[in-house]
Amino acid sequence: MKHMKLVPVLLLTAFIAMAFAVKKQKPVFYIIGDSTVKNGDGTGKNNQMGWGTVIAPYFDSTKIVVSNHAIGGRSSRTFITEGRWKKVLETLKKGDYVIIQFGHNDASPLDDTARARGTIRGIGADSMQTYNPIRKMKEVVYSYGWYMRQYVKETKAKRAIPIICSLVPRNNWKDGKVVRSDSSYALWARQIAAEEGAYFIELNELVAAKYDAMGAAAVKNFFPADNTHTNLPGAELNASIVAAELKRIQPGKLKRYLK
């Protein structure tokens, strides 16, 4: 009989302990994107690294977890169709953050036999049915803006906070200045953020302006293998700009988690 009376007490104690554990769970800063966000470890033959790999030191690890899910070769489309976004959603919770940067690979063909990762240009409701030779199935492909909207809407549905970044610029120059994507992917990223009520970092322009000030000869040192992927110093520069903008725009309660 004594044991029977103890059962409710033990259950209540367990419930309180579980509730306390949930309450103390740290928020997570999720990063999703392509190889300019995560690509290698900055060593080896190509010496490449994305900014998401080196941004963690700007956060207080005792208060927040930085989780970089970006992966090379992906577009706003394939990060979803490969199930990578679904894995993020499975653990995404109220009070978390998702920073999103896609665009470089969205300009690829829709149905090439190598990767089939392209999206329809723009932010409209356009769609096209095609055969995906990688997945070996028919697939309806949408616009870049359609996929970016999905990230924002589904992040908000989880009561988490979406932050869109325009894509980092390539090491391409014209008339002494870095070529911007201000009439394409950078513009479309900004438009989606405005339409869907997401925070926005104009990373394309901010990094390009920094490159302009440094000059082409100095910036070339950031790109040892090609004109898209930075090395460690280049990644650190980009990460510092992202961190500074996060402090400036102050999404949610993120300021309290930044150093």
C-alpha atoms as a PDB file:
ATOM      1  CA  MET A   1       0.000   0.000   0.000  1.00  0.00           C
ATOM      2  CA  LYS A   2       2.881   2.342   0.850  1.00  0.00           C
ATOM      3  CA  HIS A   3       4.391   1.678  -2.562  1.00  0.00           C
ATOM      4  CA  MET A   4       1.075   2.541  -4.221  1.00  0.00           C
ATOM      5  CA  LYS A   5       1.004   5.914  -2.455  1.00  0.00           C
ATOM      6  CA  LEU A   6       4.534   6.673  -3.647  1.00  0.00           C
ATOM      7  CA  VAL A   7       3.674   6.242  -7.323  1.00  0.00           C
ATOM      8  CA  PRO A   8       1.941   9.643  -7.796  1.00  0.00           C
ATOM      9  CA  VAL A   9       4.802  11.396  -5.971  1.00  0.00           C
ATOM     10  CA  LEU A  10       7.426   9.736  -8.145  1.00  0.00           C
ATOM     11  CA  LEU A  11       5.489  10.540 -11.308  1.00  0.00           C
ATOM     12  CA  LEU A  12       5.153  14.181 -10.271  1.00  0.00           C
ATOM     13  CA  THR A  13       8.863  14.378  -9.483  1.00  0.00           C
ATOM     14  CA  ALA A  14       9.743  12.885 -12.870  1.00  0.00           C
ATOM     15  CA  PHE A  15       7.403  15.306 -14.645  1.00  0.00           C
ATOM     16  CA  ILE A  16       8.949  18.320 -12.892  1.00  0.00           C
ATOM     17  CA  ALA A  17      12.444  17.100 -13.737  1.00  0.00           C
ATOM     18  CA  MET A  18      11.513  16.653 -17.394  1.00  0.00           C
ATOM     19  CA  ALA A  19       9.870  20.067 -17.560  1.00  0.00           C
ATOM     20  CA  PHE A  20      12.949  21.677 -16.015  1.00  0.00           C
ATOM     21  CA  ALA A  21      15.201  19.909 -18.524  1.00  0.00           C
ATOM     22  CA  VAL A  22      13.094  21.166 -21.438  1.00  0.00           C
ATOM     23  CA  LYS A  23      13.077  24.679 -20.012  1.00  0.00           C
ATOM     24  CA  LYS A  24      16.873  24.679 -19.701  1.00  0.00           C
ATOM     25  CA  GLN A  25      17.399  23.415 -23.260  1.00  0.00           C
ATOM     26  CA  LYS A  26      19.616  25.805 -25.207  1.00  0.00           C
ATOM     27  CA  PRO A  27      18.330  27.505 -28.336  1.00  0.00           C
ATOM     28  CA  VAL A  28      19.963  26.399 -31.587  1.00  0.00           C
ATOM     29  CA  PHE A  29      21.322  28.599 -34.373  1.00  0.00           C
ATOM     30  CA  TYR A  30      20.849  26.472 -37.498  1.00  0.00           C
ATOM     31  CA  ILE A  31      22.793  27.291 -40.652  1.00  0.00           C
ATOM     32  CA  ILE A  32      21.696  26.005 -44.054  1.00  0.00           C
ATOM     33  CA  GLY A  33      23.306  26.704 -47.406  1.00  0.00           C
ATOM     34  CA  ASP A  34      25.823  25.567 -49.998  1.00  0.00           C
ATOM     35  CA  SER A  35      29.611  25.207 -50.249  1.00  0.00           C
ATOM     36  CA  THR A  36      30.226  28.923 -49.673  1.00  0.00           C
ATOM     37  CA  VAL A  37      28.768  28.310 -46.208  1.00  0.00           C
ATOM     38  CA  LYS A  38      30.356  24.934 -45.488  1.00  0.00           C
ATOM     39  CA  ASN A  39      33.052  23.367 -47.621  1.00  0.00           C
ATOM     40  CA  GLY A  40      35.971  21.402 -46.220  1.00  0.00           C
ATOM     41  CA  ASP A  41      38.115  22.441 -43.291  1.00  0.00           C
ATOM     42  CA  GLY A  42      40.402  25.003 -44.912  1.00  0.00           C
ATOM     43  CA  THR A  43      43.242  22.551 -45.440  1.00  0.00           C
ATOM     44  CA  GLY A  44      44.264  20.164 -48.181  1.00  0.00           C
ATOM     45  CA  LYS A  45      44.764  20.676 -51.897  1.00  0.00           C
ATOM     46  CA  ASN A  46      42.003  23.224 -52.451  1.00  0.00           C
ATOM     47  CA  ASN A  47      42.244  24.919 -49.048  1.00  0.00           C
ATOM     48  CA  GLN A  48      38.526  25.804 -49.100  1.00  0.00           C
ATOM     49  CA  MET A  49      36.225  26.781 -46.251  1.00  0.00           C
ATOM     50  CA  GLY A  50      32.774  28.366 -45.906  1.00  0.00           C
ATOM     51  CA  TRP A  51      31.838  31.122 -43.485  1.00  0.00           C
ATOM     52  CA  GLY A  52      29.422  28.951 -41.497  1.00  0.00           C
ATOM     53  CA  THR A  53      32.297  26.759 -40.326  1.00  0.00           C
ATOM     54  CA  VAL A  54      34.060  29.632 -38.581  1.00  0.00           C
ATOM     55  CA  ILE A  55      31.167  31.657 -37.170  1.00  0.00           C
ATOM     56  CA  ALA A  56      30.701  29.683 -33.926  1.00  0.00           C
ATOM     57  CA  PRO A  57      33.332  31.703 -31.949  1.00  0.00           C
ATOM     58  CA  TYR A  58      31.070  34.770 -32.233  1.00  0.00           C
ATOM     59  CA  PHE A  59      28.472  32.989 -30.081  1.00  0.00           C
ATOM     60  CA  ASP A  60      28.463  32.167 -26.384  1.00  0.00           C
ATOM     61  CA  SER A  61      28.497  28.362 -26.438  1.00  0.00           C
ATOM     62  CA  THR A  62      27.219  28.225 -22.853  1.00  0.00           C
ATOM     63  CA  LYS A  63      23.962  29.815 -23.990  1.00  0.00           C
ATOM     64  CA  ILE A  64      23.352  28.671 -27.587  1.00  0.00           C
ATOM     65  CA  VAL A  65      24.281  25.818 -29.932  1.00  0.00           C
ATOM     66  CA  VAL A  66      25.535  26.568 -33.455  1.00  0.00           C
ATOM     67  CA  SER A  67      24.545  23.773 -35.860  1.00  0.00           C
ATOM     68  CA  ASN A  68      25.866  24.080 -39.426  1.00  0.00           C
ATOM     69  CA  HIS A  69      23.869  21.903 -41.838  1.00  0.00           C
ATOM     70  CA  ALA A  70      25.125  23.572 -45.016  1.00  0.00           C
ATOM     71  CA  ILE A  71      26.666  21.288 -47.622  1.00  0.00           C
ATOM     72  CA  GLY A  72      28.476  21.789 -50.889  1.00  0.00           C
ATOM     73  CA  GLY A  73      26.702  21.454 -54.210  1.00  0.00           C
ATOM     74  CA  ARG A  74      23.173  22.068 -52.957  1.00  0.00           C
ATOM     75  CA  SER A  75      20.610  24.569 -54.112  1.00  0.00           C
ATOM     76  CA  SER A  76      17.469  25.861 -52.438  1.00  0.00           C
ATOM     77  CA  ARG A  77      15.725  23.006 -54.255  1.00  0.00           C
ATOM     78  CA  THR A  78      17.987  20.024 -53.557  1.00  0.00           C
ATOM     79  CA  PHE A  79      18.483  20.867 -49.881  1.00  0.00           C
ATOM     80  CA  ILE A  80      14.766  20.132 -49.620  1.00  0.00           C
ATOM     81  CA  THR A  81      14.401  17.237 -52.080  1.00  0.00           C
ATOM     82  CA  GLU A  82      17.306  15.332 -50.502  1.00  0.00           C
ATOM     83  CA  GLY A  83      15.572  15.447 -47.120  1.00  0.00           C
ATOM     84  CA  ARG A  84      18.165  17.690 -45.479  1.00  0.00           C
ATOM     85  CA  TRP A  85      15.659  20.384 -44.568  1.00  0.00           C
ATOM     86  CA  LYS A  86      13.320  17.755 -43.138  1.00  0.00           C
ATOM     87  CA  LYS A  87      16.058  16.691 -40.710  1.00  0.00           C
ATOM     88  CA  VAL A  88      16.421  20.270 -39.501  1.00  0.00           C
ATOM     89  CA  LEU A  89      12.661  20.594 -39.064  1.00  0.00           C
ATOM     90  CA  GLU A  90      12.563  17.443 -36.963  1.00  0.00           C
ATOM     91  CA  THR A  91      14.531  19.155 -34.185  1.00  0.00           C
ATOM     92  CA  LEU A  92      13.678  22.811 -34.839  1.00  0.00           C
ATOM     93  CA  LYS A  93      11.784  24.325 -31.916  1.00  0.00           C
ATOM     94  CA  LYS A  94      10.393  27.574 -30.589  1.00  0.00           C
ATOM     95  CA  GLY A  95      13.126  30.129 -29.988  1.00  0.00           C
ATOM     96  CA  ASP A  96      15.620  28.588 -32.437  1.00  0.00           C
ATOM     97  CA  TYR A  97      17.085  30.465 -35.411  1.00  0.00           C
ATOM     98  CA  VAL A  98      17.592  29.443 -39.036  1.00  0.00           C
ATOM     99  CA  ILE A  99      19.955  31.416 -41.269  1.00  0.00           C
ATOM    100  CA  ILE A 100      19.501  30.617 -44.961  1.00  0.00           C
ATOM    101  CA  GLN A 101      21.876  31.287 -47.866  1.00  0.00           C
ATOM    102  CA  PHE A 102      21.289  29.787 -51.301  1.00  0.00           C
ATOM    103  CA  GLY A 103      21.705  30.994 -54.867  1.00  0.00           C
ATOM    104  CA  HIS A 104      25.042  29.909 -56.299  1.00  0.00           C
ATOM    105  CA  ASN A 105      23.798  26.508 -57.452  1.00  0.00           C
ATOM    106  CA  ASP A 106      20.245  27.565 -58.264  1.00  0.00           C
ATOM    107  CA  ALA A 107      21.465  28.892 -61.610  1.00  0.00           C
ATOM    108  CA  SER A 108      22.397  25.350 -62.698  1.00  0.00           C
ATOM    109  CA  PRO A 109      20.314  23.367 -65.232  1.00  0.00           C
ATOM    110  CA  LEU A 110      17.057  21.899 -63.974  1.00  0.00           C
ATOM    111  CA  ASP A 111      17.571  18.386 -65.294  1.00  0.00           C
ATOM    112  CA  ASP A 112      21.242  17.813 -66.203  1.00  0.00           C
ATOM    113  CA  THR A 113      22.619  14.322 -65.605  1.00  0.00           C
ATOM    114  CA  ALA A 114      25.353  15.595 -63.299  1.00  0.00           C
ATOM    115  CA  ARG A 115      23.317  17.169 -60.479  1.00  0.00           C
ATOM    116  CA  ALA A 116      19.857  18.378 -61.564  1.00  0.00           C
ATOM    117  CA  ARG A 117      19.791  21.104 -58.957  1.00  0.00           C
ATOM    118  CA  GLY A 118      18.665  24.274 -60.755  1.00  0.00           C
ATOM    119  CA  THR A 119      15.559  26.283 -59.962  1.00  0.00           C
ATOM    120  CA  ILE A 120      13.416  28.553 -62.104  1.00  0.00           C
ATOM    121  CA  ARG A 121      14.748  32.102 -62.021  1.00  0.00           C
ATOM    122  CA  GLY A 122      12.846  34.652 -59.981  1.00  0.00           C
ATOM    123  CA  ILE A 123      10.363  34.587 -57.121  1.00  0.00           C
ATOM    124  CA  GLY A 124       7.127  33.842 -58.959  1.00  0.00           C
ATOM    125  CA  ALA A 125       4.723  30.918 -58.789  1.00  0.00           C
ATOM    126  CA  ASP A 126       6.264  29.347 -61.892  1.00  0.00           C
ATOM    127  CA  SER A 127       6.683  25.588 -62.000  1.00  0.00           C
ATOM    128  CA  MET A 128       7.824  23.010 -64.516  1.00  0.00           C
ATOM    129  CA  GLN A 129       7.552  19.250 -64.540  1.00  0.00           C
ATOM    130  CA  THR A 130      10.766  17.562 -65.547  1.00  0.00           C
ATOM    131  CA  TYR A 131      12.493  14.210 -65.226  1.00  0.00           C
ATOM    132  CA  ASN A 132      15.183  14.148 -62.578  1.00  0.00           C
ATOM    133  CA  PRO A 133      17.935  11.787 -63.790  1.00  0.00           C
ATOM    134  CA  ILE A 134      19.584  11.737 -60.375  1.00  0.00           C
ATOM    135  CA  ARG A 135      16.474  10.730 -58.434  1.00  0.00           C
ATOM    136  CA  LYS A 136      15.161   8.776 -61.455  1.00  0.00           C
ATOM    137  CA  MET A 137      11.691  10.209 -61.181  1.00  0.00           C
ATOM    138  CA  LYS A 138       9.461  12.998 -62.412  1.00  0.00           C
ATOM    139  CA  GLU A 139       9.755  16.164 -60.375  1.00  0.00           C
ATOM    140  CA  VAL A 140       7.946  19.484 -60.332  1.00  0.00           C
ATOM    141  CA  VAL A 141      10.559  22.231 -60.093  1.00  0.00           C
ATOM    142  CA  TYR A 142       9.642  25.660 -58.746  1.00  0.00           C
ATOM    143  CA  SER A 143      11.231  29.091 -58.656  1.00  0.00           C
ATOM    144  CA  TYR A 144      14.070  30.102 -56.369  1.00  0.00           C
ATOM    145  CA  GLY A 145      11.619  32.294 -54.499  1.00  0.00           C
ATOM    146  CA  TRP A 146       9.164  29.423 -54.022  1.00  0.00           C
ATOM    147  CA  TYR A 147      11.763  27.317 -52.224  1.00  0.00           C
ATOM    148  CA  MET A 148      13.002  30.242 -50.134  1.00  0.00           C
ATOM    149  CA  ARG A 149       9.416  30.925 -49.065  1.00  0.00           C
ATOM    150  CA  GLN A 150       9.132  27.327 -47.887  1.00  0.00           C
ATOM    151  CA  TYR A 151      12.106  27.748 -45.572  1.00  0.00           C
ATOM    152  CA  VAL A 152      10.685  30.909 -44.048  1.00  0.00           C
ATOM    153  CA  LYS A 153       7.119  29.634 -43.666  1.00  0.00           C
ATOM    154  CA  GLU A 154       8.119  26.298 -42.180  1.00  0.00           C
ATOM    155  CA  THR A 155      10.590  27.947 -39.806  1.00  0.00           C
ATOM    156  CA  LYS A 156       7.870  30.284 -38.583  1.00  0.00           C
ATOM    157  CA  ALA A 157       5.443  27.376 -38.237  1.00  0.00           C
ATOM    158  CA  LYS A 158       7.864  25.938 -35.687  1.00  0.00           C
ATOM    159  CA  ARG A 159       7.884  29.346 -33.933  1.00  0.00           C
ATOM    160  CA  ALA A 160      11.563  29.701 -34.783  1.00  0.00           C
ATOM    161  CA  ILE A 161      13.155  32.789 -36.357  1.00  0.00           C
ATOM    162  CA  PRO A 162      14.191  32.835 -40.046  1.00  0.00           C
ATOM    163  CA  ILE A 163      17.085  34.972 -41.318  1.00  0.00           C
ATOM    164  CA  ILE A 164      17.802  35.166 -45.040  1.00  0.00           C
ATOM    165  CA  CYS A 165      21.292  35.991 -46.328  1.00  0.00           C
ATOM    166  CA  SER A 166      21.911  37.018 -49.902  1.00  0.00           C
ATOM    167  CA  LEU A 167      24.643  34.892 -51.465  1.00  0.00           C
ATOM    168  CA  VAL A 168      28.299  35.844 -50.986  1.00  0.00           C
ATOM    169  CA  PRO A 169      29.831  37.327 -54.160  1.00  0.00           C
ATOM    170  CA  ARG A 170      32.307  35.545 -56.385  1.00  0.00           C
ATOM    171  CA  ASN A 171      35.745  36.894 -57.183  1.00  0.00           C
ATOM    172  CA  ASN A 172      34.509  38.447 -60.425  1.00  0.00           C
ATOM    173  CA  TRP A 173      35.370  42.059 -61.271  1.00  0.00           C
ATOM    174  CA  LYS A 174      34.203  44.653 -63.751  1.00  0.00           C
ATOM    175  CA  ASP A 175      35.468  48.221 -64.019  1.00  0.00           C
ATOM    176  CA  GLY A 176      37.367  47.892 -60.752  1.00  0.00           C
ATOM    177  CA  LYS A 177      34.427  46.600 -58.703  1.00  0.00           C
ATOM    178  CA  VAL A 178      33.125  43.205 -57.698  1.00  0.00           C
ATOM    179  CA  VAL A 179      30.155  42.047 -59.746  1.00  0.00           C
ATOM    180  CA  ARG A 180      27.022  42.001 -57.593  1.00  0.00           C
ATOM    181  CA  SER A 181      23.935  39.801 -57.906  1.00  0.00           C
ATOM    182  CA  ASP A 182      21.684  42.780 -57.194  1.00  0.00           C
ATOM    183  CA  SER A 183      19.470  42.126 -60.192  1.00  0.00           C
ATOM    184  CA  SER A 184      19.090  38.393 -59.560  1.00  0.00           C
ATOM    185  CA  TYR A 185      19.613  36.155 -56.524  1.00  0.00           C
ATOM    186  CA  ALA A 186      20.587  38.866 -54.049  1.00  0.00           C
ATOM    187  CA  LEU A 187      17.572  40.908 -55.112  1.00  0.00           C
ATOM    188  CA  TRP A 188      15.254  37.913 -54.952  1.00  0.00           C
ATOM    189  CA  ALA A 189      16.510  36.942 -51.497  1.00  0.00           C
ATOM    190  CA  ARG A 190      15.776  40.458 -50.233  1.00  0.00           C
ATOM    191  CA  GLN A 191      12.325  40.443 -51.813  1.00  0.00           C
ATOM    192  CA  ILE A 192      11.372  37.115 -50.236  1.00  0.00           C
ATOM    193  CA  ALA A 193      12.551  38.292 -46.813  1.00  0.00           C
ATOM    194  CA  ALA A 194      10.422  41.431 -47.149  1.00  0.00           C
ATOM    195  CA  GLU A 195       7.355  39.579 -48.406  1.00  0.00           C
ATOM    196  CA  GLU A 196       7.502  36.822 -45.798  1.00  0.00           C
ATOM    197  CA  GLY A 197       8.611  38.917 -42.825  1.00  0.00           C
ATOM    198  CA  ALA A 198      12.031  37.333 -42.338  1.00  0.00           C
ATOM    199  CA  TYR A 199      15.150  39.090 -41.123  1.00  0.00           C
ATOM    200  CA  PHE A 200      17.592  39.888 -43.902  1.00  0.00           C
ATOM    201  CA  ILE A 201      21.363  40.260 -44.262  1.00  0.00           C
ATOM    202  CA  GLU A 202      22.537  41.857 -47.505  1.00  0.00           C
ATOM    203  CA  LEU A 203      25.665  39.738 -47.502  1.00  0.00           C
ATOM    204  CA  ASN A 204      26.245  40.038 -51.246  1.00  0.00           C
ATOM    205  CA  GLU A 205      26.599  43.816 -51.118  1.00  0.00           C
ATOM    206  CA  LEU A 206      28.387  43.973 -47.768  1.00  0.00           C
ATOM    207  CA  VAL A 207      31.113  41.535 -48.791  1.00  0.00           C
ATOM    208  CA  ALA A 208      31.396  43.066 -52.272  1.00  0.00           C
ATOM    209  CA  ALA A 209      31.894  46.540 -50.775  1.00  0.00           C
ATOM    210  CA  LYS A 210      34.620  45.163 -48.529  1.00  0.00           C
ATOM    211  CA  TYR A 211      36.301  43.518 -51.518  1.00  0.00           C
ATOM    212  CA  ASP A 212      36.106  46.767 -53.495  1.00  0.00           C
ATOM    213  CA  ALA A 213      37.936  48.590 -50.715  1.00  0.00           C
ATOM    214  CA  MET A 214      40.625  45.901 -50.527  1.00  0.00           C
ATOM    215  CA  GLY A 215      41.219  45.700 -54.274  1.00  0.00           C
ATOM    216  CA  ALA A 216      41.367  42.781 -56.684  1.00  0.00           C
ATOM    217  CA  ALA A 217      44.971  41.774 -55.931  1.00  0.00           C
ATOM    218  CA  ALA A 218      44.325  41.406 -52.185  1.00  0.00           C
ATOM    219  CA  VAL A 219      40.970  39.647 -52.634  1.00  0.00           C
ATOM    220  CA  LYS A 220      42.500  37.085 -54.995  1.00  0.00           C
ATOM    221  CA  ASN A 221      44.364  35.668 -51.987  1.00  0.00           C
ATOM    222  CA  PHE A 222      41.007  34.511 -50.599  1.00  0.00           C
ATOM    223  CA  PHE A 223      40.360  32.295 -53.636  1.00  0.00           C
ATOM    224  CA  PRO A 224      43.210  29.785 -54.094  1.00  0.00           C
ATOM    225  CA  ALA A 225      41.290  27.210 -56.153  1.00  0.00           C
ATOM    226  CA  ASP A 226      38.586  29.071 -58.086  1.00  0.00           C
ATOM    227  CA  ASN A 227      36.573  32.301 -57.996  1.00  0.00           C
ATOM    228  CA  THR A 228      33.722  30.976 -55.832  1.00  0.00           C
ATOM    229  CA  HIS A 229      35.167  29.223 -52.782  1.00  0.00           C
ATOM    230  CA  THR A 230      37.138  31.070 -50.138  1.00  0.00           C
ATOM    231  CA  ASN A 231      39.994  29.814 -47.998  1.00  0.00           C
ATOM    232  CA  LEU A 232      40.111  30.210 -44.213  1.00  0.00           C
ATOM    233  CA  PRO A 233      40.930  33.959 -44.196  1.00  0.00           C
ATOM    234  CA  GLY A 234      38.163  34.625 -46.712  1.00  0.00           C
ATOM    235  CA  ALA A 235      35.685  32.572 -44.686  1.00  0.00           C
ATOM    236  CA  GLU A 236      36.653  34.446 -41.527  1.00  0.00           C
ATOM    237  CA  LEU A 237      36.048  37.780 -43.223  1.00  0.00           C
ATOM    238  CA  ASN A 238      32.594  36.700 -44.394  1.00  0.00           C
ATOM    239  CA  ALA A 239      31.736  35.269 -40.974  1.00  0.00           C
ATOM    240  CA  SER A 240      32.739  38.521 -39.275  1.00  0.00           C
ATOM    241  CA  ILE A 241      30.369  40.437 -41.548  1.00  0.00           C
ATOM    242  CA  VAL A 242      27.494  38.036 -40.831  1.00  0.00           C
ATOM    243  CA  ALA A 243      28.120  38.284 -37.082  1.00  0.00           C
ATOM    244  CA  ALA A 244      28.250  42.089 -37.188  1.00  0.00           C
ATOM    245  CA  GLU A 245      24.956  42.192 -39.075  1.00  0.00           C
ATOM    246  CA  LEU A 246      23.321  39.818 -36.612  1.00  0.00           C
ATOM    247  CA  LYS A 247      24.250  42.219 -33.848  1.00  0.00           C
ATOM    248  CA  ARG A 248      22.869  45.124 -35.834  1.00  0.00           C
ATOM    249  CA  ILE A 249      19.510  43.649 -36.856  1.00  0.00           C
ATOM    250  CA  GLN A 250      19.021  41.799 -33.534  1.00  0.00           C
ATOM    251  CA  PRO A 251      16.685  38.974 -34.595  1.00  0.00           C
ATOM    252  CA  GLY A 252      14.635  37.749 -31.643  1.00  0.00           C
ATOM    253  CA  LYS A 253      16.776  37.420 -28.545  1.00  0.00           C
ATOM    254  CA  LEU A 254      19.939  36.543 -30.456  1.00  0.00           C
ATOM    255  CA  LYS A 255      21.860  39.561 -29.183  1.00  0.00           C
ATOM    256  CA  ARG A 256      22.091  38.007 -25.716  1.00  0.00           C
ATOM    257  CA  TYR A 257      23.830  34.949 -27.219  1.00  0.00           C
ATOM    258  CA  LEU A 258      26.453  36.852 -29.245  1.00  0.00           C
ATOM    259  CA  LYS A 259      29.792  37.798 -27.796  1.00  0.00           C
END
